[in-house]
N, C-alpha and C. Protein backbone atom coordinates (compact mmCIF):
# COMPACT_ATOMS: atom_id res chain seq x y z
N MET A 1 5.86 15.08 -12.14
CA MET A 1 5.28 15.81 -10.87
C MET A 1 3.95 15.82 -10.83
N GLN A 2 2.98 15.88 -10.16
CA GLN A 2 1.61 16.42 -10.29
C GLN A 2 1.32 17.43 -10.75
N GLN A 3 0.45 17.66 -11.43
CA GLN A 3 -0.02 18.93 -11.95
C GLN A 3 -1.52 19.33 -12.09
N LEU A 4 -1.61 20.39 -11.27
CA LEU A 4 -3.22 20.84 -11.28
C LEU A 4 -3.45 21.56 -12.58
N VAL A 5 -4.49 20.91 -13.05
CA VAL A 5 -5.02 21.83 -14.38
C VAL A 5 -6.49 22.31 -14.09
N ILE A 6 -6.56 24.04 -14.18
CA ILE A 6 -7.55 24.37 -14.23
C ILE A 6 -8.19 25.14 -15.21
N TYR A 7 -9.27 24.96 -15.64
CA TYR A 7 -9.83 25.71 -16.76
C TYR A 7 -10.67 27.00 -16.38
N THR A 8 -10.57 28.08 -16.74
CA THR A 8 -11.30 29.28 -16.45
C THR A 8 -11.99 30.07 -17.87
N ASP A 9 -13.09 30.71 -17.51
CA ASP A 9 -13.69 31.41 -18.41
C ASP A 9 -14.33 32.49 -17.98
N GLY A 10 -14.62 33.61 -18.93
CA GLY A 10 -15.47 34.81 -18.63
C GLY A 10 -16.58 34.96 -19.66
N ALA A 11 -17.77 35.70 -18.94
CA ALA A 11 -18.90 35.84 -20.35
C ALA A 11 -19.35 37.22 -19.56
N CYS A 12 -20.12 37.81 -20.75
CA CYS A 12 -20.51 39.39 -20.46
C CYS A 12 -21.88 39.29 -21.42
N SER A 13 -23.02 39.73 -21.07
CA SER A 13 -24.16 39.81 -21.75
C SER A 13 -23.95 41.43 -22.05
N GLY A 14 -23.55 41.90 -23.16
CA GLY A 14 -23.12 42.90 -23.42
C GLY A 14 -21.76 43.34 -23.06
N ASN A 15 -20.95 44.30 -23.35
CA ASN A 15 -19.42 44.49 -23.31
C ASN A 15 -19.48 46.18 -23.13
N PRO A 16 -19.61 46.86 -22.19
CA PRO A 16 -19.91 46.26 -20.71
C PRO A 16 -21.40 46.00 -20.48
N GLY A 17 -21.69 45.13 -19.51
CA GLY A 17 -22.79 45.00 -19.20
C GLY A 17 -22.76 43.60 -17.98
N PRO A 18 -23.59 42.99 -17.56
CA PRO A 18 -23.77 42.12 -16.82
C PRO A 18 -22.75 40.79 -17.19
N GLY A 19 -21.82 40.35 -16.14
CA GLY A 19 -20.99 39.41 -16.21
C GLY A 19 -20.69 38.40 -15.59
N GLY A 20 -20.13 37.30 -15.98
CA GLY A 20 -19.93 36.20 -15.08
C GLY A 20 -18.38 35.58 -15.24
N TRP A 21 -18.00 34.78 -14.23
CA TRP A 21 -16.80 34.34 -14.45
C TRP A 21 -16.92 33.14 -13.99
N ALA A 22 -16.04 31.63 -14.24
CA ALA A 22 -15.95 30.54 -13.72
C ALA A 22 -14.64 29.98 -13.75
N TRP A 23 -14.33 28.94 -13.13
CA TRP A 23 -13.19 28.04 -13.03
C TRP A 23 -13.81 26.55 -12.47
N ALA A 24 -12.69 25.45 -13.30
CA ALA A 24 -13.34 24.38 -12.66
C ALA A 24 -11.88 23.49 -13.00
N VAL A 25 -11.85 22.22 -12.03
CA VAL A 25 -10.55 21.71 -11.98
C VAL A 25 -10.62 20.33 -13.07
N SER A 26 -9.92 20.29 -13.72
CA SER A 26 -9.98 19.17 -14.91
C SER A 26 -9.53 17.91 -14.20
N PRO A 27 -9.94 16.66 -14.46
CA PRO A 27 -10.74 16.46 -15.53
C PRO A 27 -12.10 16.46 -15.37
N THR A 28 -12.63 16.42 -14.08
CA THR A 28 -14.05 16.23 -13.56
C THR A 28 -14.87 17.57 -13.64
N GLY A 29 -14.09 18.53 -13.37
CA GLY A 29 -14.92 19.75 -13.29
C GLY A 29 -15.34 20.13 -11.89
N ASP A 30 -14.95 19.15 -11.19
CA ASP A 30 -15.01 19.55 -9.69
C ASP A 30 -13.57 19.54 -8.59
N PRO A 31 -13.52 20.25 -8.09
CA PRO A 31 -14.29 21.45 -7.59
C PRO A 31 -14.17 22.61 -8.46
N CYS A 32 -15.31 23.68 -8.39
CA CYS A 32 -15.27 24.77 -9.36
C CYS A 32 -15.76 25.75 -8.68
N GLY A 33 -15.83 27.05 -9.10
CA GLY A 33 -16.31 28.30 -8.61
C GLY A 33 -16.63 29.52 -9.63
N SER A 34 -17.65 29.99 -9.24
CA SER A 34 -17.98 31.23 -10.17
C SER A 34 -18.48 32.24 -9.36
N GLY A 35 -18.91 33.54 -10.09
CA GLY A 35 -19.43 34.59 -9.65
C GLY A 35 -19.85 35.20 -10.54
N GLY A 36 -20.32 36.80 -10.28
CA GLY A 36 -20.48 37.73 -11.35
C GLY A 36 -20.89 38.92 -11.07
N GLU A 37 -20.98 40.16 -12.13
CA GLU A 37 -20.99 41.57 -11.81
C GLU A 37 -21.98 42.15 -12.24
N ALA A 38 -22.57 43.02 -11.74
CA ALA A 38 -23.76 43.54 -12.74
C ALA A 38 -23.40 44.42 -13.94
N ASN A 39 -22.29 45.21 -13.66
CA ASN A 39 -21.19 45.66 -14.84
C ASN A 39 -20.08 45.69 -14.79
N THR A 40 -19.69 45.36 -16.06
CA THR A 40 -18.48 44.59 -16.14
C THR A 40 -18.35 44.43 -17.54
N THR A 41 -17.02 44.09 -17.90
CA THR A 41 -16.38 43.60 -19.22
C THR A 41 -16.00 42.14 -19.39
N ASN A 42 -16.12 41.77 -20.42
CA ASN A 42 -15.71 40.17 -20.75
C ASN A 42 -14.30 39.96 -20.31
N GLN A 43 -13.20 40.91 -20.78
CA GLN A 43 -11.89 40.74 -20.07
C GLN A 43 -11.66 41.00 -18.65
N ARG A 44 -12.39 41.56 -18.05
CA ARG A 44 -12.49 41.80 -16.81
C ARG A 44 -12.99 40.46 -16.14
N MET A 45 -13.84 39.69 -16.50
CA MET A 45 -14.43 38.41 -16.16
C MET A 45 -13.48 37.30 -16.36
N GLU A 46 -12.55 37.47 -17.58
CA GLU A 46 -11.56 36.50 -17.74
C GLU A 46 -10.47 36.44 -16.70
N ILE A 47 -10.18 37.69 -16.56
CA ILE A 47 -9.00 37.85 -15.32
C ILE A 47 -9.67 37.48 -14.01
N HIS A 48 -10.92 38.18 -13.61
CA HIS A 48 -11.23 37.44 -12.18
C HIS A 48 -11.21 36.00 -12.26
N ALA A 49 -11.77 35.06 -13.26
CA ALA A 49 -11.82 33.50 -13.25
C ALA A 49 -10.56 33.11 -12.76
N VAL A 50 -9.31 33.68 -13.41
CA VAL A 50 -8.10 33.16 -13.00
C VAL A 50 -7.65 33.47 -11.32
N LEU A 51 -8.04 34.76 -11.48
CA LEU A 51 -7.54 35.21 -9.98
C LEU A 51 -8.43 34.69 -8.77
N ASP A 52 -9.45 34.32 -8.94
CA ASP A 52 -10.14 33.35 -7.72
C ASP A 52 -9.76 31.89 -8.02
N ALA A 53 -9.48 31.37 -9.10
CA ALA A 53 -8.73 29.91 -9.14
C ALA A 53 -7.49 29.93 -8.25
N LEU A 54 -6.64 31.01 -8.70
CA LEU A 54 -5.32 30.69 -8.06
C LEU A 54 -5.62 31.17 -6.65
N GLN A 55 -6.22 32.15 -6.46
CA GLN A 55 -6.68 32.55 -4.69
C GLN A 55 -6.59 30.86 -3.99
N THR A 56 -7.55 30.41 -5.01
CA THR A 56 -8.02 29.25 -4.05
C THR A 56 -7.14 28.06 -4.05
N TYR A 57 -6.28 27.82 -4.91
CA TYR A 57 -5.48 26.81 -4.91
C TYR A 57 -4.06 27.06 -5.14
N SER A 58 -3.80 28.34 -4.99
CA SER A 58 -1.90 28.48 -5.38
C SER A 58 -1.24 28.01 -3.98
N LEU A 59 -2.05 27.79 -2.81
CA LEU A 59 -1.19 27.40 -1.52
C LEU A 59 -1.24 25.95 -1.80
N LEU A 60 -1.91 24.99 -2.21
CA LEU A 60 -1.97 23.70 -2.33
C LEU A 60 -0.81 23.11 -2.56
N ALA A 61 -0.53 21.98 -1.81
CA ALA A 61 0.85 21.24 -1.98
C ALA A 61 0.77 19.84 -2.46
N ASN A 62 1.49 19.16 -2.88
CA ASN A 62 1.54 18.04 -3.17
C ASN A 62 1.94 16.85 -2.22
N GLU A 63 2.05 15.56 -2.42
CA GLU A 63 2.37 14.82 -0.99
C GLU A 63 3.61 15.15 -0.29
N GLN A 64 4.84 15.62 -1.08
CA GLN A 64 6.04 15.87 -0.43
C GLN A 64 5.93 17.43 0.16
N GLY A 65 5.03 18.13 0.21
CA GLY A 65 4.87 19.23 0.84
C GLY A 65 5.43 20.67 -0.16
N ASP A 66 5.77 20.38 -1.24
CA ASP A 66 6.19 21.27 -2.27
C ASP A 66 5.05 22.22 -2.88
N PRO A 67 4.96 23.26 -3.07
CA PRO A 67 3.80 23.93 -4.09
C PRO A 67 3.46 23.31 -5.10
N MET A 68 1.99 22.82 -5.52
CA MET A 68 2.07 22.16 -6.65
C MET A 68 1.82 23.04 -7.93
N PRO A 69 2.57 22.43 -9.11
CA PRO A 69 2.44 23.24 -10.39
C PRO A 69 0.97 23.29 -10.81
N ILE A 70 0.72 24.47 -11.40
CA ILE A 70 -0.94 24.76 -11.81
C ILE A 70 -0.63 25.22 -13.32
N GLU A 71 -1.43 24.53 -13.91
CA GLU A 71 -1.57 25.08 -15.20
C GLU A 71 -2.95 25.27 -15.58
N ILE A 72 -3.16 26.80 -16.04
CA ILE A 72 -4.51 27.41 -16.38
C ILE A 72 -4.77 27.51 -17.77
N VAL A 73 -5.89 26.94 -18.06
CA VAL A 73 -6.41 26.72 -19.48
C VAL A 73 -7.13 27.65 -19.56
N SER A 74 -7.34 28.76 -20.68
CA SER A 74 -8.12 30.02 -20.85
C SER A 74 -8.39 30.02 -22.34
N ASP A 75 -9.58 30.15 -23.02
CA ASP A 75 -9.85 30.74 -24.38
C ASP A 75 -9.53 32.13 -24.31
N SER A 76 -9.08 32.78 -23.46
CA SER A 76 -8.91 34.10 -23.75
C SER A 76 -7.50 34.66 -24.03
N THR A 77 -7.05 34.86 -25.06
CA THR A 77 -5.67 35.23 -25.55
C THR A 77 -5.21 36.49 -24.97
N TYR A 78 -6.01 37.35 -24.38
CA TYR A 78 -5.64 38.45 -23.63
C TYR A 78 -4.77 37.88 -22.37
N VAL A 79 -5.60 36.96 -21.56
CA VAL A 79 -4.90 36.59 -20.37
C VAL A 79 -3.73 35.73 -20.79
N VAL A 80 -3.79 34.80 -21.36
CA VAL A 80 -2.77 33.71 -21.88
C VAL A 80 -1.25 34.42 -22.44
N ASN A 81 -1.87 35.37 -23.38
CA ASN A 81 -0.82 36.35 -23.73
C ASN A 81 -0.12 37.24 -22.91
N CYS A 82 -0.77 37.59 -21.83
CA CYS A 82 0.01 38.46 -20.60
C CYS A 82 1.02 37.64 -20.08
N PHE A 83 0.87 36.64 -19.68
CA PHE A 83 1.90 35.67 -19.09
C PHE A 83 2.66 34.88 -20.00
N ARG A 84 2.40 34.72 -21.15
CA ARG A 84 3.10 33.87 -22.11
C ARG A 84 4.39 34.81 -22.78
N ASP A 85 3.60 36.04 -23.05
CA ASP A 85 4.66 37.20 -23.60
C ASP A 85 5.20 38.00 -22.63
N ARG A 86 4.85 38.15 -21.46
CA ARG A 86 5.18 38.84 -20.25
C ARG A 86 5.06 40.20 -20.57
N TRP A 87 3.68 40.49 -20.93
CA TRP A 87 3.46 42.06 -21.13
C TRP A 87 3.22 42.56 -19.50
N TRP A 88 2.92 42.00 -18.47
CA TRP A 88 2.70 42.41 -17.31
C TRP A 88 4.26 42.98 -16.76
N VAL A 89 5.54 42.35 -17.16
CA VAL A 89 6.78 42.89 -16.84
C VAL A 89 6.85 44.45 -17.43
N LYS A 90 6.45 44.87 -18.41
CA LYS A 90 6.45 45.93 -19.39
C LYS A 90 5.57 46.93 -18.57
N TRP A 91 4.20 46.47 -18.46
CA TRP A 91 3.37 47.47 -17.54
C TRP A 91 4.06 47.85 -16.49
N GLU A 92 4.53 46.86 -15.49
CA GLU A 92 4.89 47.41 -14.31
C GLU A 92 6.23 48.41 -14.76
N ARG A 93 6.98 48.10 -15.55
CA ARG A 93 8.11 48.98 -15.79
C ARG A 93 7.60 50.44 -16.22
N ASN A 94 6.84 50.42 -17.07
CA ASN A 94 6.06 51.56 -17.64
C ASN A 94 5.09 52.12 -16.76
N GLY A 95 4.88 51.91 -15.36
CA GLY A 95 4.16 52.63 -14.47
C GLY A 95 2.48 52.30 -14.89
N TRP A 96 2.42 51.03 -15.16
CA TRP A 96 1.09 50.49 -15.42
C TRP A 96 0.51 51.12 -16.64
N LYS A 97 1.23 51.39 -17.60
CA LYS A 97 0.78 52.06 -18.93
C LYS A 97 1.03 50.92 -19.83
N ASN A 98 0.17 50.96 -20.99
CA ASN A 98 0.20 49.60 -22.02
C ASN A 98 1.17 50.24 -22.95
N SER A 99 0.96 49.81 -24.13
CA SER A 99 2.04 50.19 -25.50
C SER A 99 1.63 51.36 -25.99
N LYS A 100 0.36 51.50 -25.70
CA LYS A 100 -0.12 53.04 -26.21
C LYS A 100 -0.22 54.25 -25.17
N LYS A 101 0.68 53.86 -24.37
CA LYS A 101 0.81 54.90 -23.07
C LYS A 101 -0.62 55.13 -22.37
N GLN A 102 -1.58 54.20 -22.52
CA GLN A 102 -2.77 54.31 -21.93
C GLN A 102 -2.86 53.42 -20.42
N PRO A 103 -3.29 53.84 -19.49
CA PRO A 103 -3.46 53.16 -18.18
C PRO A 103 -3.85 51.64 -18.51
N VAL A 104 -3.16 50.63 -17.74
CA VAL A 104 -3.56 49.23 -18.01
C VAL A 104 -5.17 49.05 -17.29
N ALA A 105 -5.88 48.41 -18.18
CA ALA A 105 -7.48 48.34 -17.79
C ALA A 105 -7.23 47.03 -16.61
N ASN A 106 -8.25 47.44 -15.74
CA ASN A 106 -8.35 46.05 -14.61
C ASN A 106 -7.03 45.81 -13.69
N VAL A 107 -6.23 46.91 -13.66
CA VAL A 107 -5.25 46.51 -12.96
C VAL A 107 -5.49 46.45 -11.60
N ASP A 108 -6.57 46.71 -10.69
CA ASP A 108 -6.92 46.13 -9.55
C ASP A 108 -7.03 44.16 -9.55
N LEU A 109 -7.30 43.82 -10.39
CA LEU A 109 -7.14 42.31 -10.85
C LEU A 109 -5.80 41.99 -10.95
N TRP A 110 -5.44 42.65 -12.13
CA TRP A 110 -3.89 42.45 -12.63
C TRP A 110 -2.94 42.03 -11.57
N LYS A 111 -2.83 43.32 -10.83
CA LYS A 111 -1.87 43.24 -9.71
C LYS A 111 -1.71 41.90 -8.56
N PRO A 112 -2.68 41.60 -8.28
CA PRO A 112 -2.92 40.52 -7.24
C PRO A 112 -2.67 39.49 -7.96
N LEU A 113 -3.26 39.03 -9.32
CA LEU A 113 -2.83 38.05 -10.00
C LEU A 113 -1.33 37.51 -10.31
N ILE A 114 -0.95 38.67 -10.73
CA ILE A 114 0.54 38.82 -11.24
C ILE A 114 1.61 38.18 -9.70
N GLU A 115 1.01 38.60 -8.66
CA GLU A 115 1.87 38.39 -7.53
C GLU A 115 1.59 36.67 -7.11
N LEU A 116 0.12 36.40 -7.64
CA LEU A 116 0.26 34.94 -7.26
C LEU A 116 0.97 34.11 -8.58
N VAL A 117 1.19 34.59 -9.88
CA VAL A 117 1.81 33.85 -10.53
C VAL A 117 3.25 33.89 -10.21
N ARG A 118 3.69 35.04 -10.07
CA ARG A 118 5.38 35.10 -9.35
C ARG A 118 5.61 34.21 -8.48
N ALA A 119 4.32 34.10 -7.45
CA ALA A 119 5.05 33.27 -6.09
C ALA A 119 4.77 31.75 -6.49
N GLY A 120 4.01 31.25 -7.57
CA GLY A 120 4.24 29.74 -7.68
C GLY A 120 4.65 29.29 -9.02
N ASP A 121 4.24 27.84 -9.20
CA ASP A 121 4.64 27.53 -10.55
C ASP A 121 3.49 27.27 -11.42
N ILE A 122 3.41 28.25 -12.18
CA ILE A 122 2.08 28.72 -12.85
C ILE A 122 2.36 28.70 -14.27
N GLY A 123 1.75 27.96 -15.04
CA GLY A 123 1.50 28.24 -16.52
C GLY A 123 0.56 28.30 -17.28
N PHE A 124 0.31 28.70 -18.49
CA PHE A 124 -0.75 29.19 -19.06
C PHE A 124 -0.78 28.47 -20.46
N ARG A 125 -2.26 27.90 -20.73
CA ARG A 125 -2.30 27.34 -22.03
C ARG A 125 -3.73 27.81 -23.02
N TRP A 126 -3.66 27.96 -23.65
CA TRP A 126 -4.92 28.86 -24.83
C TRP A 126 -5.48 27.48 -25.14
N VAL A 127 -6.67 27.66 -25.24
CA VAL A 127 -7.71 26.48 -25.87
C VAL A 127 -8.57 27.46 -26.62
N LYS A 128 -9.17 26.91 -28.21
CA LYS A 128 -10.03 27.41 -28.54
C LYS A 128 -11.40 27.43 -28.03
N GLY A 129 -11.99 28.59 -27.88
CA GLY A 129 -13.36 28.71 -27.14
C GLY A 129 -14.61 27.85 -28.25
N HIS A 130 -15.67 27.55 -27.75
CA HIS A 130 -16.69 26.79 -28.24
C HIS A 130 -16.30 25.91 -29.62
N SER A 131 -15.15 24.97 -28.95
CA SER A 131 -14.38 23.89 -30.14
C SER A 131 -15.02 22.78 -29.65
N GLY A 132 -15.57 22.57 -28.60
CA GLY A 132 -15.62 20.97 -28.30
C GLY A 132 -14.61 20.50 -27.16
N ASP A 133 -13.99 21.21 -26.71
CA ASP A 133 -13.18 20.96 -25.46
C ASP A 133 -14.28 20.92 -24.29
N PRO A 134 -14.32 19.69 -23.77
CA PRO A 134 -15.48 19.13 -22.51
C PRO A 134 -15.45 20.41 -21.42
N MET A 135 -13.99 20.57 -20.80
CA MET A 135 -13.88 21.45 -19.94
C MET A 135 -14.06 22.90 -20.14
N ASN A 136 -13.68 23.28 -21.50
CA ASN A 136 -13.76 24.62 -21.40
C ASN A 136 -15.26 24.76 -21.89
N ASP A 137 -16.14 23.95 -22.38
CA ASP A 137 -17.62 23.95 -22.38
C ASP A 137 -18.19 24.12 -20.88
N LEU A 138 -18.01 23.46 -20.18
CA LEU A 138 -18.25 23.66 -18.99
C LEU A 138 -18.09 24.71 -18.20
N VAL A 139 -16.80 25.27 -18.31
CA VAL A 139 -16.66 26.74 -17.50
C VAL A 139 -17.18 27.77 -18.13
N ASP A 140 -17.58 27.72 -19.46
CA ASP A 140 -18.35 28.41 -20.14
C ASP A 140 -19.64 28.80 -19.96
N GLY A 141 -20.41 27.20 -19.62
CA GLY A 141 -21.79 27.36 -19.12
C GLY A 141 -21.69 27.93 -17.73
N LEU A 142 -20.93 27.69 -16.94
CA LEU A 142 -20.81 27.91 -15.49
C LEU A 142 -20.96 29.68 -15.44
N ALA A 143 -19.96 30.30 -16.23
CA ALA A 143 -19.81 31.73 -16.27
C ALA A 143 -20.78 32.24 -16.96
N VAL A 144 -21.62 31.72 -17.86
CA VAL A 144 -22.99 32.35 -18.38
C VAL A 144 -24.03 32.09 -17.13
N GLU A 145 -23.87 31.11 -16.56
CA GLU A 145 -25.01 31.09 -15.68
C GLU A 145 -24.79 31.64 -14.39
N ALA A 146 -23.51 32.54 -14.07
CA ALA A 146 -23.19 33.18 -13.03
C ALA A 146 -23.43 34.81 -13.49
N VAL A 147 -23.88 35.16 -14.92
CA VAL A 147 -24.32 36.47 -15.16
C VAL A 147 -25.52 36.88 -14.45
N PRO A 148 -25.60 38.04 -13.65
CA PRO A 148 -26.38 38.60 -12.72
C PRO A 148 -27.71 38.74 -13.85
N ARG A 149 -29.01 38.29 -13.42
CA ARG A 149 -30.23 38.91 -14.68
C ARG A 149 -30.87 39.91 -14.12
């Protein structure tokens, strides 16, 4: 079955500070999307990139009309591990508290992202950042460009 592979990344100039996020469809990098916030964190930008990509593509269907499987590729262990290790299940069960009994950060982004992941056939794969992966380098550059100056 055909699978859509989307690379995502976030960047921050200071943490917190101005930040940017980006995503691009492999293998060509087109289409892509990006944006930024004046005062944010790197983790927030990493999550935002995935959310925007899935909001754009989660309803895409294959030739048979079935929802298309999507693989998100990210250099954020925070994002990848959240879904690989199902942290979000515990967060929901614990009233959006983490293992330290503190409120989960960025819950305003996590909740809609989790709903999209639940509704689709979406997998996550980690890629080492700044390691020469052309698509990861592309989204890193787009995220840096999106940081408000």
